[in-house]
C-alpha atoms as a PDB file:
ATOM      1  CA  MET A   1      34.029 137.465  47.444  1.00  0.00           C
ATOM      2  CA  ARG A   2      32.429 140.654  46.171  1.00  0.00           C
ATOM      3  CA  LEU A   3      34.345 142.519  43.469  1.00  0.00           C
ATOM      4  CA  ARG A   4      33.931 146.162  42.476  1.00  0.00           C
ATOM      5  CA  LEU A   5      34.464 146.975  38.804  1.00  0.00           C
ATOM      6  CA  ASP A   6      34.913 150.523  37.488  1.00  0.00           C
ATOM      7  CA  LEU A   7      34.302 150.711  33.755  1.00  0.00           C
ATOM      8  CA  GLY A   8      33.385 152.780  30.738  1.00  0.00           C
ATOM      9  CA  TYR A   9      31.822 152.014  27.383  1.00  0.00           C
ATOM     10  CA  ASP A  10      30.721 153.455  24.063  1.00  0.00           C
ATOM     11  CA  GLY A  11      27.017 152.625  24.095  1.00  0.00           C
ATOM     12  CA  THR A  12      26.480 153.033  20.352  1.00  0.00           C
ATOM     13  CA  ASP A  13      26.417 149.351  19.457  1.00  0.00           C
ATOM     14  CA  PHE A  14      24.784 148.073  22.654  1.00  0.00           C
ATOM     15  CA  SER A  15      21.097 147.541  23.406  1.00  0.00           C
ATOM     16  CA  GLY A  16      21.669 149.160  26.790  1.00  0.00           C
ATOM     17  CA  TRP A  17      23.143 147.719  29.974  1.00  0.00           C
ATOM     18  CA  ALA A  18      20.631 145.015  30.899  1.00  0.00           C
ATOM     19  CA  ALA A  19      21.073 141.520  29.445  1.00  0.00           C
ATOM     20  CA  GLN A  20      18.436 140.629  26.850  1.00  0.00           C
ATOM     21  CA  PRO A  21      18.104 137.390  24.874  1.00  0.00           C
ATOM     22  CA  GLY A  22      19.441 137.752  21.354  1.00  0.00           C
ATOM     23  CA  ARG A  23      20.766 141.288  21.904  1.00  0.00           C
ATOM     24  CA  ARG A  24      24.251 142.652  22.492  1.00  0.00           C
ATOM     25  CA  THR A  25      24.278 144.362  25.881  1.00  0.00           C
ATOM     26  CA  VAL A  26      26.973 145.695  28.188  1.00  0.00           C
ATOM     27  CA  GLU A  27      25.926 143.374  30.990  1.00  0.00           C
ATOM     28  CA  GLY A  28      25.899 140.359  28.698  1.00  0.00           C
ATOM     29  CA  VAL A  29      29.330 141.029  27.210  1.00  0.00           C
ATOM     30  CA  LEU A  30      30.919 141.843  30.581  1.00  0.00           C
ATOM     31  CA  SER A  31      29.337 138.798  32.235  1.00  0.00           C
ATOM     32  CA  ASP A  32      30.676 136.562  29.473  1.00  0.00           C
ATOM     33  CA  ALA A  33      34.172 138.035  29.919  1.00  0.00           C
ATOM     34  CA  LEU A  34      34.156 137.525  33.690  1.00  0.00           C
ATOM     35  CA  THR A  35      32.804 134.000  33.299  1.00  0.00           C
ATOM     36  CA  THR A  36      35.679 133.211  30.933  1.00  0.00           C
ATOM     37  CA  LEU A  37      38.263 134.899  33.175  1.00  0.00           C
ATOM     38  CA  LEU A  38      37.179 132.981  36.266  1.00  0.00           C
ATOM     39  CA  ARG A  39      36.406 129.750  34.420  1.00  0.00           C
ATOM     40  CA  SER A  40      33.077 129.788  36.180  1.00  0.00           C
ATOM     41  CA  PRO A  41      30.637 126.935  35.497  1.00  0.00           C
ATOM     42  CA  ASP A  42      27.762 129.438  35.778  1.00  0.00           C
ATOM     43  CA  PRO A  43      27.429 132.934  34.282  1.00  0.00           C
ATOM     44  CA  VAL A  44      28.772 135.652  36.576  1.00  0.00           C
ATOM     45  CA  ARG A  45      25.921 137.884  37.690  1.00  0.00           C
ATOM     46  CA  LEU A  46      26.376 141.662  37.890  1.00  0.00           C
ATOM     47  CA  THR A  47      24.729 144.516  39.777  1.00  0.00           C
ATOM     48  CA  VAL A  48      25.246 147.989  38.327  1.00  0.00           C
ATOM     49  CA  ALA A  49      24.991 151.539  39.654  1.00  0.00           C
ATOM     50  CA  GLY A  50      22.972 152.799  36.669  1.00  0.00           C
ATOM     51  CA  ARG A  51      21.142 150.679  34.073  1.00  0.00           C
ATOM     52  CA  THR A  52      21.840 152.803  31.008  1.00  0.00           C
ATOM     53  CA  ASP A  53      19.496 152.666  28.008  1.00  0.00           C
ATOM     54  CA  ALA A  54      20.385 151.614  24.466  1.00  0.00           C
ATOM     55  CA  GLY A  55      22.879 154.043  22.951  1.00  0.00           C
ATOM     56  CA  VAL A  56      23.819 155.744  26.235  1.00  0.00           C
ATOM     57  CA  HIS A  57      27.535 155.882  27.062  1.00  0.00           C
ATOM     58  CA  ALA A  58      29.470 155.689  30.336  1.00  0.00           C
ATOM     59  CA  ARG A  59      32.835 156.873  31.605  1.00  0.00           C
ATOM     60  CA  GLY A  60      32.264 156.273  35.299  1.00  0.00           C
ATOM     61  CA  GLN A  61      30.026 153.224  35.555  1.00  0.00           C
ATOM     62  CA  VAL A  62      30.369 150.970  38.619  1.00  0.00           C
ATOM     63  CA  ALA A  63      29.257 147.351  39.024  1.00  0.00           C
ATOM     64  CA  HIS A  64      29.771 144.539  41.483  1.00  0.00           C
ATOM     65  CA  ALA A  65      29.908 140.756  41.156  1.00  0.00           C
ATOM     66  CA  ASP A  66      29.995 138.004  43.769  1.00  0.00           C
ATOM     67  CA  VAL A  67      32.594 135.449  42.692  1.00  0.00           C
ATOM     68  CA  ASP A  68      34.331 132.333  43.936  1.00  0.00           C
ATOM     69  CA  ASP A  69      37.314 133.279  46.115  1.00  0.00           C
ATOM     70  CA  THR A  70      39.583 130.513  44.859  1.00  0.00           C
ATOM     71  CA  ALA A  71      38.890 131.257  41.205  1.00  0.00           C
ATOM     72  CA  TYR A  72      39.624 134.955  41.683  1.00  0.00           C
ATOM     73  CA  LEU A  73      42.885 134.376  43.584  1.00  0.00           C
ATOM     74  CA  ALA A  74      44.000 132.059  40.769  1.00  0.00           C
ATOM     75  CA  VAL A  75      43.659 134.765  38.081  1.00  0.00           C
ATOM     76  CA  PRO A  76      47.374 135.852  38.195  1.00  0.00           C
ATOM     77  CA  GLY A  77      48.539 132.298  37.455  1.00  0.00           C
ATOM     78  CA  ARG A  78      52.315 132.091  37.757  1.00  0.00           C
ATOM     79  CA  SER A  79      52.844 135.843  37.468  1.00  0.00           C
ATOM     80  CA  ASP A  80      53.716 138.059  40.434  1.00  0.00           C
ATOM     81  CA  ARG A  81      50.817 140.398  39.761  1.00  0.00           C
ATOM     82  CA  SER A  82      48.038 140.885  42.285  1.00  0.00           C
ATOM     83  CA  PRO A  83      44.622 139.438  41.404  1.00  0.00           C
ATOM     84  CA  GLU A  84      43.376 143.012  40.911  1.00  0.00           C
ATOM     85  CA  GLN A  85      46.130 143.858  38.423  1.00  0.00           C
ATOM     86  CA  ALA A  86      45.852 140.547  36.626  1.00  0.00           C
ATOM     87  CA  ALA A  87      42.063 140.722  36.347  1.00  0.00           C
ATOM     88  CA  THR A  88      42.172 144.222  34.845  1.00  0.00           C
ATOM     89  CA  THR A  89      44.871 143.257  32.337  1.00  0.00           C
ATOM     90  CA  ARG A  90      43.283 139.978  31.319  1.00  0.00           C
ATOM     91  CA  LEU A  91      39.830 141.509  30.907  1.00  0.00           C
ATOM     92  CA  ALA A  92      41.352 144.016  28.487  1.00  0.00           C
ATOM     93  CA  GLY A  93      42.376 141.062  26.325  1.00  0.00           C
ATOM     94  CA  ILE A  94      38.926 139.465  26.467  1.00  0.00           C
ATOM     95  CA  LEU A  95      36.599 142.436  26.126  1.00  0.00           C
ATOM     96  CA  PRO A  96      35.804 144.224  22.837  1.00  0.00           C
ATOM     97  CA  ALA A  97      37.185 147.707  22.264  1.00  0.00           C
ATOM     98  CA  ASP A  98      33.941 149.470  23.205  1.00  0.00           C
ATOM     99  CA  ILE A  99      34.120 148.331  26.857  1.00  0.00           C
ATOM    100  CA  VAL A 100      37.070 149.147  29.140  1.00  0.00           C
ATOM    101  CA  VAL A 101      37.344 147.987  32.755  1.00  0.00           C
ATOM    102  CA  HIS A 102      39.523 150.581  34.468  1.00  0.00           C
ATOM    103  CA  ARG A 103      39.818 148.854  37.821  1.00  0.00           C
ATOM    104  CA  VAL A 104      38.943 145.620  39.605  1.00  0.00           C
ATOM    105  CA  CYS A 105      39.180 145.403  43.394  1.00  0.00           C
ATOM    106  CA  ARG A 106      37.704 143.667  46.393  1.00  0.00           C
ATOM    107  CA  ALA A 107      34.636 145.562  47.527  1.00  0.00           C
ATOM    108  CA  PRO A 108      34.504 146.772  51.151  1.00  0.00           C
ATOM    109  CA  ASP A 109      32.009 145.137  53.493  1.00  0.00           C
ATOM    110  CA  GLY A 110      28.494 146.396  52.877  1.00  0.00           C
ATOM    111  CA  PHE A 111      29.219 147.664  49.362  1.00  0.00           C
ATOM    112  CA  ASP A 112      26.410 147.499  46.816  1.00  0.00           C
ATOM    113  CA  ALA A 113      27.096 149.152  43.459  1.00  0.00           C
ATOM    114  CA  ARG A 114      23.466 150.219  43.115  1.00  0.00           C
ATOM    115  CA  PHE A 115      22.116 150.875  46.583  1.00  0.00           C
ATOM    116  CA  SER A 116      25.258 152.188  48.300  1.00  0.00           C
ATOM    117  CA  ALA A 117      25.646 155.008  45.762  1.00  0.00           C
ATOM    118  CA  THR A 118      24.969 158.542  47.002  1.00  0.00           C
ATOM    119  CA  SER A 119      24.806 160.191  43.569  1.00  0.00           C
ATOM    120  CA  ARG A 120      25.052 159.665  39.828  1.00  0.00           C
ATOM    121  CA  ARG A 121      26.288 162.411  37.495  1.00  0.00           C
ATOM    122  CA  TYR A 122      25.341 162.460  33.816  1.00  0.00           C
ATOM    123  CA  ARG A 123      26.437 164.753  31.003  1.00  0.00           C
ATOM    124  CA  TYR A 124      24.430 165.655  27.905  1.00  0.00           C
ATOM    125  CA  ARG A 125      26.106 167.278  24.870  1.00  0.00           C
ATOM    126  CA  ILE A 126      24.378 169.378  22.203  1.00  0.00           C
ATOM    127  CA  ALA A 127      26.007 171.142  19.245  1.00  0.00           C
ATOM    128  CA  ASP A 128      23.587 173.916  18.272  1.00  0.00           C
ATOM    129  CA  ALA A 129      23.786 176.384  15.362  1.00  0.00           C
ATOM    130  CA  THR A 130      26.666 178.330  16.931  1.00  0.00           C
ATOM    131  CA  ALA A 131      28.793 175.318  17.886  1.00  0.00           C
ATOM    132  CA  VAL A 132      31.353 173.292  15.971  1.00  0.00           C
ATOM    133  CA  HIS A 133      29.703 170.194  14.490  1.00  0.00           C
ATOM    134  CA  ASP A 134      32.631 167.852  14.900  1.00  0.00           C
ATOM    135  CA  PRO A 135      32.102 164.603  12.950  1.00  0.00           C
ATOM    136  CA  LEU A 136      34.531 162.844  15.287  1.00  0.00           C
ATOM    137  CA  ARG A 137      32.101 163.501  18.182  1.00  0.00           C
ATOM    138  CA  ARG A 138      28.929 162.504  16.326  1.00  0.00           C
ATOM    139  CA  ARG A 139      28.500 159.416  18.525  1.00  0.00           C
ATOM    140  CA  ASP A 140      28.212 161.407  21.775  1.00  0.00           C
ATOM    141  CA  THR A 141      26.824 164.765  20.656  1.00  0.00           C
ATOM    142  CA  VAL A 142      23.345 165.697  19.409  1.00  0.00           C
ATOM    143  CA  TRP A 143      23.262 168.233  16.560  1.00  0.00           C
ATOM    144  CA  LEU A 144      20.625 170.989  16.425  1.00  0.00           C
ATOM    145  CA  ARG A 145      20.130 173.483  13.601  1.00  0.00           C
ATOM    146  CA  ASP A 146      18.894 176.321  15.814  1.00  0.00           C
ATOM    147  CA  PRO A 147      20.766 178.362  18.469  1.00  0.00           C
ATOM    148  CA  LEU A 148      20.194 177.746  22.181  1.00  0.00           C
ATOM    149  CA  ASP A 149      19.933 180.347  24.951  1.00  0.00           C
ATOM    150  CA  VAL A 150      22.087 178.685  27.616  1.00  0.00           C
ATOM    151  CA  VAL A 151      21.385 181.344  30.258  1.00  0.00           C
ATOM    152  CA  ALA A 152      17.639 180.719  29.996  1.00  0.00           C
ATOM    153  CA  MET A 153      18.144 176.944  30.062  1.00  0.00           C
ATOM    154  CA  ASP A 154      20.311 177.136  33.168  1.00  0.00           C
ATOM    155  CA  ALA A 155      17.724 179.296  34.950  1.00  0.00           C
ATOM    156  CA  ALA A 156      14.916 176.875  34.067  1.00  0.00           C
ATOM    157  CA  ALA A 157      16.927 173.853  35.165  1.00  0.00           C
ATOM    158  CA  GLY A 158      17.717 175.416  38.533  1.00  0.00           C
ATOM    159  CA  GLN A 159      14.016 175.535  39.424  1.00  0.00           C
ATOM    160  CA  LEU A 160      13.843 171.721  39.390  1.00  0.00           C
ATOM    161  CA  LEU A 161      16.421 171.106  42.120  1.00  0.00           C
ATOM    162  CA  GLY A 162      15.656 169.334  45.380  1.00  0.00           C
ATOM    163  CA  LEU A 163      13.526 166.470  46.628  1.00  0.00           C
ATOM    164  CA  GLY A 164      10.403 166.004  44.521  1.00  0.00           C
ATOM    165  CA  ASP A 165       8.205 163.759  42.442  1.00  0.00           C
ATOM    166  CA  PHE A 166       9.675 163.444  38.955  1.00  0.00           C
ATOM    167  CA  ALA A 167       6.804 161.367  37.530  1.00  0.00           C
ATOM    168  CA  ALA A 168       6.497 163.887  34.669  1.00  0.00           C
ATOM    169  CA  PHE A 169       9.947 162.864  33.469  1.00  0.00           C
ATOM    170  CA  CYS A 170       9.887 159.113  34.159  1.00  0.00           C
ATOM    171  CA  LYS A 171       8.465 156.001  32.586  1.00  0.00           C
ATOM    172  CA  ARG A 172       6.434 154.527  35.412  1.00  0.00           C
ATOM    173  CA  ARG A 173       7.059 151.012  36.725  1.00  0.00           C
ATOM    174  CA  GLU A 174       4.512 149.166  38.818  1.00  0.00           C
ATOM    175  CA  GLY A 175       5.272 149.615  42.504  1.00  0.00           C
ATOM    176  CA  ALA A 176       8.278 151.913  41.924  1.00  0.00           C
ATOM    177  CA  THR A 177       8.534 155.429  43.320  1.00  0.00           C
ATOM    178  CA  THR A 178       9.322 158.424  41.110  1.00  0.00           C
ATOM    179  CA  VAL A 179      10.515 160.553  44.048  1.00  0.00           C
ATOM    180  CA  ARG A 180      14.132 161.625  43.631  1.00  0.00           C
ATOM    181  CA  THR A 181      16.501 164.305  44.911  1.00  0.00           C
ATOM    182  CA  LEU A 182      17.906 166.351  42.042  1.00  0.00           C
ATOM    183  CA  LEU A 183      21.215 167.597  43.417  1.00  0.00           C
ATOM    184  CA  GLY A 184      22.450 169.538  40.413  1.00  0.00           C
ATOM    185  CA  PHE A 185      21.206 170.559  36.962  1.00  0.00           C
ATOM    186  CA  THR A 186      23.319 173.130  35.130  1.00  0.00           C
ATOM    187  CA  TRP A 187      23.936 174.211  31.533  1.00  0.00           C
ATOM    188  CA  THR A 188      27.172 175.670  30.159  1.00  0.00           C
ATOM    189  CA  ARG A 189      28.687 176.392  26.752  1.00  0.00           C
ATOM    190  CA  ASP A 190      32.251 175.262  26.036  1.00  0.00           C
ATOM    191  CA  ALA A 191      34.360 178.307  25.160  1.00  0.00           C
ATOM    192  CA  ALA A 192      36.396 176.518  22.480  1.00  0.00           C
ATOM    193  CA  SER A 193      33.854 174.358  20.638  1.00  0.00           C
ATOM    194  CA  GLY A 194      30.643 176.159  21.495  1.00  0.00           C
ATOM    195  CA  VAL A 195      29.074 172.822  22.468  1.00  0.00           C
ATOM    196  CA  VAL A 196      26.327 173.128  25.063  1.00  0.00           C
ATOM    197  CA  GLU A 197      26.620 170.699  27.977  1.00  0.00           C
ATOM    198  CA  ALA A 198      24.205 169.768  30.735  1.00  0.00           C
ATOM    199  CA  SER A 199      25.413 168.320  34.020  1.00  0.00           C
ATOM    200  CA  VAL A 200      22.648 166.409  35.809  1.00  0.00           C
ATOM    201  CA  VAL A 201      23.228 164.988  39.304  1.00  0.00           C
ATOM    202  CA  ALA A 202      20.770 163.100  41.508  1.00  0.00           C
ATOM    203  CA  ASP A 203      20.780 160.522  44.246  1.00  0.00           C
ATOM    204  CA  ALA A 204      19.187 158.177  41.695  1.00  0.00           C
ATOM    205  CA  PHE A 205      17.314 158.356  38.397  1.00  0.00           C
ATOM    206  CA  CYS A 206      14.253 156.554  37.087  1.00  0.00           C
ATOM    207  CA  HIS A 207      13.884 155.250  33.532  1.00  0.00           C
ATOM    208  CA  SER A 208      14.398 157.979  30.859  1.00  0.00           C
ATOM    209  CA  MET A 209      14.511 160.727  33.509  1.00  0.00           C
ATOM    210  CA  VAL A 210      17.723 162.461  32.414  1.00  0.00           C
ATOM    211  CA  ARG A 211      16.805 162.629  28.734  1.00  0.00           C
ATOM    212  CA  ALA A 212      13.307 163.856  29.604  1.00  0.00           C
ATOM    213  CA  LEU A 213      14.719 166.560  31.895  1.00  0.00           C
ATOM    214  CA  VAL A 214      16.958 167.715  29.058  1.00  0.00           C
ATOM    215  CA  GLY A 215      14.001 167.549  26.694  1.00  0.00           C
ATOM    216  CA  ALA A 216      11.970 169.784  29.012  1.00  0.00           C
ATOM    217  CA  VAL A 217      14.639 172.481  29.095  1.00  0.00           C
ATOM    218  CA  VAL A 218      15.665 172.532  25.412  1.00  0.00           C
ATOM    219  CA  PRO A 219      12.379 174.261  24.356  1.00  0.00           C
ATOM    220  CA  VAL A 220      13.277 177.066  26.779  1.00  0.00           C
ATOM    221  CA  GLY A 221      16.630 177.454  25.035  1.00  0.00           C
ATOM    222  CA  LEU A 222      14.901 177.521  21.639  1.00  0.00           C
ATOM    223  CA  GLY A 223      12.491 180.248  22.777  1.00  0.00           C
ATOM    224  CA  ARG A 224       9.444 177.978  22.512  1.00  0.00           C
ATOM    225  CA  ALA A 225       8.696 177.893  26.259  1.00  0.00           C
ATOM    226  CA  ASN A 226       9.307 180.246  29.162  1.00  0.00           C
ATOM    227  CA  ARG A 227      11.688 179.533  32.024  1.00  0.00           C
ATOM    228  CA  GLU A 228       8.902 178.461  34.389  1.00  0.00           C
ATOM    229  CA  TRP A 229       7.437 175.845  32.048  1.00  0.00           C
ATOM    230  CA  PRO A 230       9.648 172.853  33.088  1.00  0.00           C
ATOM    231  CA  ARG A 231       8.748 173.470  36.744  1.00  0.00           C
ATOM    232  CA  ARG A 232       5.030 173.550  35.896  1.00  0.00           C
ATOM    233  CA  VAL A 233       5.423 170.265  34.037  1.00  0.00           C
ATOM    234  CA  GLN A 234       7.085 168.715  37.091  1.00  0.00           C
ATOM    235  CA  LEU A 235       4.363 169.885  39.462  1.00  0.00           C
ATOM    236  CA  ALA A 236       1.679 168.336  37.225  1.00  0.00           C
ATOM    237  CA  ALA A 237       3.322 164.929  37.964  1.00  0.00           C
ATOM    238  CA  VAL A 238       2.123 163.348  34.684  1.00  0.00           C
ATOM    239  CA  ARG A 239       3.951 162.728  31.437  1.00  0.00           C
ATOM    240  CA  ASP A 240       3.559 165.739  29.155  1.00  0.00           C
ATOM    241  CA  PRO A 241       3.444 165.022  25.392  1.00  0.00           C
ATOM    242  CA  HIS A 242       5.278 168.295  24.768  1.00  0.00           C
ATOM    243  CA  VAL A 243       8.368 166.986  26.599  1.00  0.00           C
ATOM    244  CA  LYS A 244      10.576 165.252  24.068  1.00  0.00           C
ATOM    245  CA  VAL A 245      12.832 162.492  25.381  1.00  0.00           C
ATOM    246  CA  MET A 246      16.142 163.485  23.805  1.00  0.00           C
ATOM    247  CA  PRO A 247      18.275 161.066  21.737  1.00  0.00           C
ATOM    248  CA  ALA A 248      20.282 158.549  23.743  1.00  0.00           C
ATOM    249  CA  HIS A 249      23.679 159.117  22.135  1.00  0.00           C
ATOM    250  CA  GLY A 250      24.129 162.584  23.675  1.00  0.00           C
ATOM    251  CA  LEU A 251      24.090 161.122  27.173  1.00  0.00           C
ATOM    252  CA  SER A 252      26.969 159.724  29.227  1.00  0.00           C
ATOM    253  CA  LEU A 253      27.172 158.491  32.821  1.00  0.00           C
ATOM    254  CA  GLU A 254      30.224 160.346  34.106  1.00  0.00           C
ATOM    255  CA  GLU A 255      30.493 159.535  37.807  1.00  0.00           C
ATOM    256  CA  VAL A 256      28.995 157.513  40.652  1.00  0.00           C
ATOM    257  CA  THR A 257      29.807 158.525  44.226  1.00  0.00           C
ATOM    258  CA  TYR A 258      29.790 156.465  47.427  1.00  0.00           C
ATOM    259  CA  PRO A 259      30.087 157.282  51.135  1.00  0.00           C
ATOM    260  CA  HIS A 260      32.956 156.254  53.394  1.00  0.00           C
ATOM    261  CA  ASP A 261      33.327 152.486  53.736  1.00  0.00           C
ATOM    262  CA  ASP A 262      31.843 152.556  57.242  1.00  0.00           C
ATOM    263  CA  LEU A 263      28.594 153.996  55.864  1.00  0.00           C
ATOM    264  CA  LEU A 264      28.101 151.752  52.819  1.00  0.00           C
ATOM    265  CA  ALA A 265      25.705 149.271  54.408  1.00  0.00           C
ATOM    266  CA  GLU A 266      23.594 151.980  56.040  1.00  0.00           C
ATOM    267  CA  ARG A 267      23.393 153.903  52.772  1.00  0.00           C
ATOM    268  CA  ALA A 268      22.184 150.746  51.007  1.00  0.00           C
ATOM    269  CA  ARG A 269      19.512 150.224  53.670  1.00  0.00           C
ATOM    270  CA  ILE A 270      18.220 153.772  53.296  1.00  0.00           C
ATOM    271  CA  ALA A 271      18.242 153.601  49.485  1.00  0.00           C
ATOM    272  CA  ARG A 272      16.085 150.476  49.534  1.00  0.00           C
ATOM    273  CA  SER A 273      13.415 152.287  51.570  1.00  0.00           C
ATOM    274  CA  ARG A 274      10.516 153.695  49.565  1.00  0.00           C
ATOM    275  CA  ARG A 275      10.346 157.498  49.683  1.00  0.00           C
ATOM    276  CA  ASP A 276       7.677 160.132  49.191  1.00  0.00           C
ATOM    277  CA  ALA A 277       7.983 163.803  48.332  1.00  0.00           C
ATOM    278  CA  SER A 278       6.733 165.161  51.662  1.00  0.00           C
END
C-alpha cells in the first residue's frame, strides 16, 4: 500500500532531508517514526517531493512510503478511528516537535510524491534595513543591514521566467539536466513588518537553485547590479562567482501541487524524461 504524507518541519536542527549516517535528518527521523508505528522489521523507505538542504524549512512538504497493508490497517488498534486518523495522531506522539505530519492517506494509483508533482513553491524572507528585525523570526528570516529596492528586484526576477537552462544557478550532478520551467518569481514587501519576500515557483528545482536565484537578484536590490544582470548570468549557463548562494534558513518549501488523480501516472512518466531547453 502506498501512503501519502503531508508534513512540515523547522529545518534548523536538521542536516537536510536526505538520510545520512551519523546525522539528524528529516528523512531519518520520519523513517524511524513510521518504522516504529508500523512495527516494521525493516526501515520504512520514503520518497519526497523536494529534498531540502540543511537548515531549509517546509510547510507543504509531501512524501510517500510503500508499506505493508496489514500493518497499516492495524494502526488504530481497538479504537474506532480510521487508519488515516490513527496514523496522524500516533505519529504526533512519536515525532519530535520540529516535525509535524499534517495528514496521512492512501495514495491514488499512479501517485509518486516526486515525479507526479507539477510544481513546487518556495518562499524566501529577508528583513532589510527598513524592516522589523523580529527576534522571534530569526530562524526563518535573513537579516540585511542595507535597504532593498523591491521594485527593481521584481523586474529582474521576471526576466528569468519560462523554460530554460538554469545551470548558472545549480550545482551540477553527473548525468542530470539543469533545464527547468520557472513558473513564477516575484518579490513583495509586507506592509506591516516591512519584510521582503520572494515567491519562487517551478516545475522542479535542482540543487541550490532557489537560493542561487535569490542571490542573483539581491545585488539588484542593493544597487550593485542592473536589472538585466541576472538574465545575463542565466544565459551564460555557468556558475558565476558573483552569485552568492543565500543562507538556508530564509527558505521554506510552502506548497507542492499535483494533477488530477487520473493524470498522476502520466505526469510521473513525463517528469522522468530528460529535457532540453529547445
